[in-house]
Amino acid sequence: HETADEMHYKILHPESMSFDNRMNCLSS
């Protein structure tokens, strides 16, 4: 998941990637 802090996720990833999508993938 890389980080469970959404703001931190945005610092580490480009705008094209989504914290919510990463969490949804784990749920799937």
PDB file of all heavy atoms in Angstrom:
ATOM      1  N   HIS A   1       0.831  -1.205   0.000  1.00  0.00           N
ATOM      2  CA  HIS A   1       0.000   0.000   0.000  1.00  0.00           C
ATOM      3  C   HIS A   1       0.867   1.256   0.000  1.00  0.00           C
ATOM      4  O   HIS A   1       0.385   2.332  -0.309  1.00  0.00           O
ATOM      5  CB  HIS A   1      -0.968  -0.010   1.190  1.00  0.00           C
ATOM      6  CG  HIS A   1      -0.327   0.056   2.532  1.00  0.00           C
ATOM      7  ND1 HIS A   1       0.236  -1.053   3.153  1.00  0.00           N
ATOM      8  CD2 HIS A   1      -0.151   1.094   3.397  1.00  0.00           C
ATOM      9  CE1 HIS A   1       0.703  -0.697   4.328  1.00  0.00           C
ATOM     10  NE2 HIS A   1       0.491   0.602   4.505  1.00  0.00           N
ATOM     11  N   GLU A   2       2.161   1.101   0.332  1.00  0.00           N
ATOM     12  CA  GLU A   2       3.197   2.156   0.341  1.00  0.00           C
ATOM     13  C   GLU A   2       3.048   3.138   1.494  1.00  0.00           C
ATOM     14  O   GLU A   2       4.011   3.501   2.131  1.00  0.00           O
ATOM     15  CB  GLU A   2       3.269   2.920  -0.989  1.00  0.00           C
ATOM     16  CG  GLU A   2       3.540   2.033  -2.196  1.00  0.00           C
ATOM     17  CD  GLU A   2       4.888   1.313  -2.137  1.00  0.00           C
ATOM     18  OE1 GLU A   2       5.629   1.466  -1.171  1.00  0.00           O
ATOM     19  OE2 GLU A   2       5.171   0.567  -3.091  1.00  0.00           O
ATOM     20  N   THR A   3       1.848   3.587   1.757  1.00  0.00           N
ATOM     21  CA  THR A   3       1.570   4.440   2.911  1.00  0.00           C
ATOM     22  C   THR A   3       0.063   4.504   3.098  1.00  0.00           C
ATOM     23  O   THR A   3      -0.685   4.544   2.120  1.00  0.00           O
ATOM     24  CB  THR A   3       2.145   5.859   2.753  1.00  0.00           C
ATOM     25  OG1 THR A   3       1.699   6.685   3.846  1.00  0.00           O
ATOM     26  CG2 THR A   3       1.707   6.509   1.451  1.00  0.00           C
ATOM     27  N   ALA A   4      -0.385   4.471   4.351  1.00  0.00           N
ATOM     28  CA  ALA A   4      -1.808   4.575   4.646  1.00  0.00           C
ATOM     29  C   ALA A   4      -2.234   6.017   4.893  1.00  0.00           C
ATOM     30  O   ALA A   4      -3.376   6.279   5.260  1.00  0.00           O
ATOM     31  CB  ALA A   4      -2.159   3.707   5.855  1.00  0.00           C
ATOM     32  N   ASP A   5      -1.314   6.944   4.670  1.00  0.00           N
ATOM     33  CA  ASP A   5      -1.566   8.380   4.820  1.00  0.00           C
ATOM     34  C   ASP A   5      -1.786   8.950   3.418  1.00  0.00           C
ATOM     35  O   ASP A   5      -0.861   8.999   2.608  1.00  0.00           O
ATOM     36  CB  ASP A   5      -0.366   9.030   5.502  1.00  0.00           C
ATOM     37  CG  ASP A   5      -0.545  10.515   5.751  1.00  0.00           C
ATOM     38  OD1 ASP A   5      -1.266  11.175   4.982  1.00  0.00           O
ATOM     39  OD2 ASP A   5       0.058  11.028   6.713  1.00  0.00           O
ATOM     40  N   GLU A   6      -3.009   9.370   3.118  1.00  0.00           N
ATOM     41  CA  GLU A   6      -3.330   9.793   1.751  1.00  0.00           C
ATOM     42  C   GLU A   6      -2.475  10.959   1.280  1.00  0.00           C
ATOM     43  O   GLU A   6      -2.036  11.004   0.126  1.00  0.00           O
ATOM     44  CB  GLU A   6      -4.813  10.154   1.642  1.00  0.00           C
ATOM     45  CG  GLU A   6      -5.244  10.483   0.222  1.00  0.00           C
ATOM     46  CD  GLU A   6      -6.736  10.582   0.055  1.00  0.00           C
ATOM     47  OE1 GLU A   6      -7.471  10.495   1.071  1.00  0.00           O
ATOM     48  OE2 GLU A   6      -7.178  10.762  -1.100  1.00  0.00           O
ATOM     49  N   MET A   7      -2.210  11.925   2.157  1.00  0.00           N
ATOM     50  CA  MET A   7      -1.380  13.070   1.757  1.00  0.00           C
ATOM     51  C   MET A   7       0.045  12.616   1.469  1.00  0.00           C
ATOM     52  O   MET A   7       0.695  13.095   0.535  1.00  0.00           O
ATOM     53  CB  MET A   7      -1.402  14.144   2.846  1.00  0.00           C
ATOM     54  CG  MET A   7      -2.757  14.801   3.050  1.00  0.00           C
ATOM     55  SD  MET A   7      -3.446  15.457   1.499  1.00  0.00           S
ATOM     56  CE  MET A   7      -2.224  16.705   1.082  1.00  0.00           C
ATOM     57  N   HIS A   8       0.556  11.699   2.265  1.00  0.00           N
ATOM     58  CA  HIS A   8       1.893  11.164   2.030  1.00  0.00           C
ATOM     59  C   HIS A   8       1.930  10.390   0.710  1.00  0.00           C
ATOM     60  O   HIS A   8       2.911  10.473  -0.045  1.00  0.00           O
ATOM     61  CB  HIS A   8       2.290  10.261   3.205  1.00  0.00           C
ATOM     62  CG  HIS A   8       3.702   9.800   3.166  1.00  0.00           C
ATOM     63  ND1 HIS A   8       4.098   8.546   3.591  1.00  0.00           N
ATOM     64  CD2 HIS A   8       4.840  10.403   2.739  1.00  0.00           C
ATOM     65  CE1 HIS A   8       5.394   8.412   3.436  1.00  0.00           C
ATOM     66  NE2 HIS A   8       5.870   9.524   2.917  1.00  0.00           N
ATOM     67  N   TYR A   9       0.868   9.654   0.410  1.00  0.00           N
ATOM     68  CA  TYR A   9       0.782   8.912  -0.851  1.00  0.00           C
ATOM     69  C   TYR A   9       0.936   9.866  -2.039  1.00  0.00           C
ATOM     70  O   TYR A   9       1.636   9.561  -3.013  1.00  0.00           O
ATOM     71  CB  TYR A   9      -0.556   8.168  -0.931  1.00  0.00           C
ATOM     72  CG  TYR A   9      -0.671   7.249  -2.127  1.00  0.00           C
ATOM     73  CD1 TYR A   9      -0.323   5.910  -2.041  1.00  0.00           C
ATOM     74  CD2 TYR A   9      -1.137   7.729  -3.353  1.00  0.00           C
ATOM     75  CE1 TYR A   9      -0.416   5.067  -3.135  1.00  0.00           C
ATOM     76  CE2 TYR A   9      -1.234   6.899  -4.460  1.00  0.00           C
ATOM     77  CZ  TYR A   9      -0.877   5.567  -4.339  1.00  0.00           C
ATOM     78  OH  TYR A   9      -0.964   4.740  -5.437  1.00  0.00           O
ATOM     79  N   LYS A  10       0.287  11.010  -1.945  1.00  0.00           N
ATOM     80  CA  LYS A  10       0.345  11.980  -3.049  1.00  0.00           C
ATOM     81  C   LYS A  10       1.749  12.545  -3.235  1.00  0.00           C
ATOM     82  O   LYS A  10       2.137  12.899  -4.348  1.00  0.00           O
ATOM     83  CB  LYS A  10      -0.653  13.108  -2.796  1.00  0.00           C
ATOM     84  CG  LYS A  10      -2.110  12.673  -2.929  1.00  0.00           C
ATOM     85  CD  LYS A  10      -3.075  13.814  -2.639  1.00  0.00           C
ATOM     86  CE  LYS A  10      -4.515  13.360  -2.811  1.00  0.00           C
ATOM     87  NZ  LYS A  10      -5.476  14.450  -2.492  1.00  0.00           N
ATOM     88  N   ILE A  11       2.519  12.623  -2.175  1.00  0.00           N
ATOM     89  CA  ILE A  11       3.902  13.103  -2.267  1.00  0.00           C
ATOM     90  C   ILE A  11       4.780  12.099  -3.007  1.00  0.00           C
ATOM     91  O   ILE A  11       5.690  12.473  -3.752  1.00  0.00           O
ATOM     92  CB  ILE A  11       4.466  13.384  -0.857  1.00  0.00           C
ATOM     93  CG1 ILE A  11       3.748  14.584  -0.224  1.00  0.00           C
ATOM     94  CG2 ILE A  11       5.973  13.624  -0.899  1.00  0.00           C
ATOM     95  CD1 ILE A  11       4.103  14.806   1.235  1.00  0.00           C
ATOM     96  N   LEU A  12       4.503  10.818  -2.824  1.00  0.00           N
ATOM     97  CA  LEU A  12       5.349   9.757  -3.372  1.00  0.00           C
ATOM     98  C   LEU A  12       4.974   9.339  -4.787  1.00  0.00           C
ATOM     99  O   LEU A  12       5.761   8.667  -5.459  1.00  0.00           O
ATOM    100  CB  LEU A  12       5.291   8.523  -2.467  1.00  0.00           C
ATOM    101  CG  LEU A  12       5.749   8.691  -1.018  1.00  0.00           C
ATOM    102  CD1 LEU A  12       5.552   7.385  -0.253  1.00  0.00           C
ATOM    103  CD2 LEU A  12       7.206   9.128  -0.952  1.00  0.00           C
ATOM    104  N   HIS A  13       3.766   9.719  -5.238  1.00  0.00           N
ATOM    105  CA  HIS A  13       3.259   9.213  -6.507  1.00  0.00           C
ATOM    106  C   HIS A  13       2.798  10.343  -7.423  1.00  0.00           C
ATOM    107  O   HIS A  13       2.443  11.427  -6.966  1.00  0.00           O
ATOM    108  CB  HIS A  13       2.078   8.262  -6.254  1.00  0.00           C
ATOM    109  CG  HIS A  13       2.441   7.058  -5.453  1.00  0.00           C
ATOM    110  ND1 HIS A  13       2.429   7.044  -4.079  1.00  0.00           N
ATOM    111  CD2 HIS A  13       2.854   5.827  -5.829  1.00  0.00           C
ATOM    112  CE1 HIS A  13       2.807   5.850  -3.643  1.00  0.00           C
ATOM    113  NE2 HIS A  13       3.077   5.091  -4.680  1.00  0.00           N
ATOM    114  N   PRO A  14       2.764  10.083  -8.729  1.00  0.00           N
ATOM    115  CA  PRO A  14       2.270  11.088  -9.672  1.00  0.00           C
ATOM    116  C   PRO A  14       0.755  11.245  -9.557  1.00  0.00           C
ATOM    117  O   PRO A  14       0.066  10.385  -8.988  1.00  0.00           O
ATOM    118  CB  PRO A  14       2.654  10.501 -11.035  1.00  0.00           C
ATOM    119  CG  PRO A  14       2.689   9.022 -10.811  1.00  0.00           C
ATOM    120  CD  PRO A  14       3.194   8.842  -9.401  1.00  0.00           C
ATOM    121  N   GLU A  15       0.240  12.326 -10.123  1.00  0.00           N
ATOM    122  CA  GLU A  15      -1.198  12.597 -10.035  1.00  0.00           C
ATOM    123  C   GLU A  15      -2.037  11.510 -10.700  1.00  0.00           C
ATOM    124  O   GLU A  15      -3.209  11.324 -10.358  1.00  0.00           O
ATOM    125  CB  GLU A  15      -1.517  13.956 -10.668  1.00  0.00           C
ATOM    126  CG  GLU A  15      -1.001  15.133  -9.859  1.00  0.00           C
ATOM    127  CD  GLU A  15      -1.430  16.468 -10.450  1.00  0.00           C
ATOM    128  OE1 GLU A  15      -2.222  16.452 -11.435  1.00  0.00           O
ATOM    129  OE2 GLU A  15      -0.992  17.510  -9.944  1.00  0.00           O
ATOM    130  N   SER A  16      -1.455  10.790 -11.630  1.00  0.00           N
ATOM    131  CA  SER A  16      -2.200   9.749 -12.337  1.00  0.00           C
ATOM    132  C   SER A  16      -2.526   8.546 -11.458  1.00  0.00           C
ATOM    133  O   SER A  16      -3.347   7.705 -11.824  1.00  0.00           O
ATOM    134  CB  SER A  16      -1.404   9.261 -13.551  1.00  0.00           C
ATOM    135  OG  SER A  16      -0.136   8.764 -13.147  1.00  0.00           O
ATOM    136  N   MET A  17      -1.879   8.462 -10.298  1.00  0.00           N
ATOM    137  CA  MET A  17      -2.122   7.339  -9.386  1.00  0.00           C
ATOM    138  C   MET A  17      -2.971   7.797  -8.206  1.00  0.00           C
ATOM    139  O   MET A  17      -2.867   8.937  -7.753  1.00  0.00           O
ATOM    140  CB  MET A  17      -0.799   6.741  -8.910  1.00  0.00           C
ATOM    141  CG  MET A  17       0.028   6.158 -10.037  1.00  0.00           C
ATOM    142  SD  MET A  17       1.546   5.356  -9.462  1.00  0.00           S
ATOM    143  CE  MET A  17       0.864   3.907  -8.642  1.00  0.00           C
ATOM    144  N   SER A  18      -3.787   6.880  -7.713  1.00  0.00           N
ATOM    145  CA  SER A  18      -4.792   7.226  -6.715  1.00  0.00           C
ATOM    146  C   SER A  18      -4.662   6.363  -5.467  1.00  0.00           C
ATOM    147  O   SER A  18      -4.598   5.131  -5.556  1.00  0.00           O
ATOM    148  CB  SER A  18      -6.188   7.044  -7.330  1.00  0.00           C
ATOM    149  OG  SER A  18      -7.180   6.892  -6.339  1.00  0.00           O
ATOM    150  N   PHE A  19      -4.645   7.021  -4.328  1.00  0.00           N
ATOM    151  CA  PHE A  19      -4.647   6.324  -3.042  1.00  0.00           C
ATOM    152  C   PHE A  19      -5.879   5.436  -2.914  1.00  0.00           C
ATOM    153  O   PHE A  19      -5.789   4.278  -2.492  1.00  0.00           O
ATOM    154  CB  PHE A  19      -4.619   7.362  -1.910  1.00  0.00           C
ATOM    155  CG  PHE A  19      -4.760   6.790  -0.530  1.00  0.00           C
ATOM    156  CD1 PHE A  19      -3.673   6.266   0.139  1.00  0.00           C
ATOM    157  CD2 PHE A  19      -5.991   6.790   0.123  1.00  0.00           C
ATOM    158  CE1 PHE A  19      -3.789   5.747   1.425  1.00  0.00           C
ATOM    159  CE2 PHE A  19      -6.122   6.278   1.406  1.00  0.00           C
ATOM    160  CZ  PHE A  19      -5.017   5.750   2.054  1.00  0.00           C
ATOM    161  N   ASP A  20      -7.033   5.969  -3.307  1.00  0.00           N
ATOM    162  CA  ASP A  20      -8.273   5.199  -3.200  1.00  0.00           C
ATOM    163  C   ASP A  20      -8.220   3.949  -4.073  1.00  0.00           C
ATOM    164  O   ASP A  20      -8.693   2.883  -3.671  1.00  0.00           O
ATOM    165  CB  ASP A  20      -9.480   6.059  -3.590  1.00  0.00           C
ATOM    166  CG  ASP A  20      -9.806   7.114  -2.542  1.00  0.00           C
ATOM    167  OD1 ASP A  20      -9.383   6.943  -1.376  1.00  0.00           O
ATOM    168  OD2 ASP A  20     -10.476   8.101  -2.884  1.00  0.00           O
ATOM    169  N   ASN A  21      -7.647   4.074  -5.267  1.00  0.00           N
ATOM    170  CA  ASN A  21      -7.569   2.916  -6.144  1.00  0.00           C
ATOM    171  C   ASN A  21      -6.661   1.836  -5.544  1.00  0.00           C
ATOM    172  O   ASN A  21      -6.953   0.640  -5.628  1.00  0.00           O
ATOM    173  CB  ASN A  21      -7.066   3.308  -7.527  1.00  0.00           C
ATOM    174  CG  ASN A  21      -7.181   2.160  -8.519  1.00  0.00           C
ATOM    175  OD1 ASN A  21      -8.271   1.653  -8.751  1.00  0.00           O
ATOM    176  ND2 ASN A  21      -6.065   1.742  -9.098  1.00  0.00           N
ATOM    177  N   ARG A  22      -5.548   2.256  -4.929  1.00  0.00           N
ATOM    178  CA  ARG A  22      -4.655   1.285  -4.305  1.00  0.00           C
ATOM    179  C   ARG A  22      -5.399   0.525  -3.200  1.00  0.00           C
ATOM    180  O   ARG A  22      -5.300  -0.700  -3.104  1.00  0.00           O
ATOM    181  CB  ARG A  22      -3.417   2.006  -3.744  1.00  0.00           C
ATOM    182  CG  ARG A  22      -2.374   1.122  -3.077  1.00  0.00           C
ATOM    183  CD  ARG A  22      -1.783   0.085  -4.016  1.00  0.00           C
ATOM    184  NE  ARG A  22      -1.141   0.643  -5.169  1.00  0.00           N
ATOM    185  CZ  ARG A  22       0.170   0.820  -5.322  1.00  0.00           C
ATOM    186  NH1 ARG A  22       0.988   0.484  -4.346  1.00  0.00           N
ATOM    187  NH2 ARG A  22       0.659   1.308  -6.443  1.00  0.00           N
ATOM    188  N   MET A  23      -6.134   1.251  -2.383  1.00  0.00           N
ATOM    189  CA  MET A  23      -6.879   0.594  -1.307  1.00  0.00           C
ATOM    190  C   MET A  23      -8.002  -0.287  -1.859  1.00  0.00           C
ATOM    191  O   MET A  23      -8.267  -1.378  -1.334  1.00  0.00           O
ATOM    192  CB  MET A  23      -7.450   1.647  -0.353  1.00  0.00           C
ATOM    193  CG  MET A  23      -6.383   2.379   0.455  1.00  0.00           C
ATOM    194  SD  MET A  23      -5.460   1.210   1.502  1.00  0.00           S
ATOM    195  CE  MET A  23      -4.221   2.289   2.231  1.00  0.00           C
ATOM    196  N   ASN A  24      -8.638   0.153  -2.947  1.00  0.00           N
ATOM    197  CA  ASN A  24      -9.685  -0.666  -3.563  1.00  0.00           C
ATOM    198  C   ASN A  24      -9.114  -1.958  -4.136  1.00  0.00           C
ATOM    199  O   ASN A  24      -9.755  -3.015  -4.086  1.00  0.00           O
ATOM    200  CB  ASN A  24     -10.399   0.123  -4.666  1.00  0.00           C
ATOM    201  CG  ASN A  24     -11.317   1.199  -4.111  1.00  0.00           C
ATOM    202  OD1 ASN A  24     -11.762   1.115  -2.967  1.00  0.00           O
ATOM    203  ND2 ASN A  24     -11.606   2.209  -4.912  1.00  0.00           N
ATOM    204  N   CYS A  25      -7.913  -1.878  -4.683  1.00  0.00           N
ATOM    205  CA  CYS A  25      -7.262  -3.085  -5.205  1.00  0.00           C
ATOM    206  C   CYS A  25      -7.035  -4.097  -4.088  1.00  0.00           C
ATOM    207  O   CYS A  25      -7.284  -5.301  -4.256  1.00  0.00           O
ATOM    208  CB  CYS A  25      -5.934  -2.726  -5.861  1.00  0.00           C
ATOM    209  SG  CYS A  25      -6.082  -1.971  -7.511  1.00  0.00           S
ATOM    210  N   LEU A  26      -6.568  -3.622  -2.939  1.00  0.00           N
ATOM    211  CA  LEU A  26      -6.354  -4.523  -1.812  1.00  0.00           C
ATOM    212  C   LEU A  26      -7.670  -5.155  -1.355  1.00  0.00           C
ATOM    213  O   LEU A  26      -7.726  -6.358  -1.045  1.00  0.00           O
ATOM    214  CB  LEU A  26      -5.696  -3.769  -0.656  1.00  0.00           C
ATOM    215  CG  LEU A  26      -4.198  -3.486  -0.839  1.00  0.00           C
ATOM    216  CD1 LEU A  26      -3.724  -2.447   0.164  1.00  0.00           C
ATOM    217  CD2 LEU A  26      -3.381  -4.766  -0.694  1.00  0.00           C
ATOM    218  N   SER A  27      -8.731  -4.364  -1.350  1.00  0.00           N
ATOM    219  CA  SER A  27     -10.038  -4.907  -0.971  1.00  0.00           C
ATOM    220  C   SER A  27     -10.512  -5.947  -1.975  1.00  0.00           C
ATOM    221  O   SER A  27     -11.089  -6.975  -1.600  1.00  0.00           O
ATOM    222  CB  SER A  27     -11.064  -3.770  -0.870  1.00  0.00           C
ATOM    223  OG  SER A  27     -10.733  -2.880   0.166  1.00  0.00           O
ATOM    224  N   SER A  28     -10.270  -5.701  -3.267  1.00  0.00           N
ATOM    225  CA  SER A  28     -10.667  -6.653  -4.305  1.00  0.00           C
ATOM    226  C   SER A  28      -9.940  -7.978  -4.132  1.00  0.00           C
ATOM    227  O   SER A  28     -10.535  -9.067  -4.237  1.00  0.00           O
ATOM    228  CB  SER A  28     -10.368  -6.079  -5.696  1.00  0.00           C
ATOM    229  OG  SER A  28     -11.173  -4.952  -5.965  1.00  0.00           O
TER     230      SER A  28
END
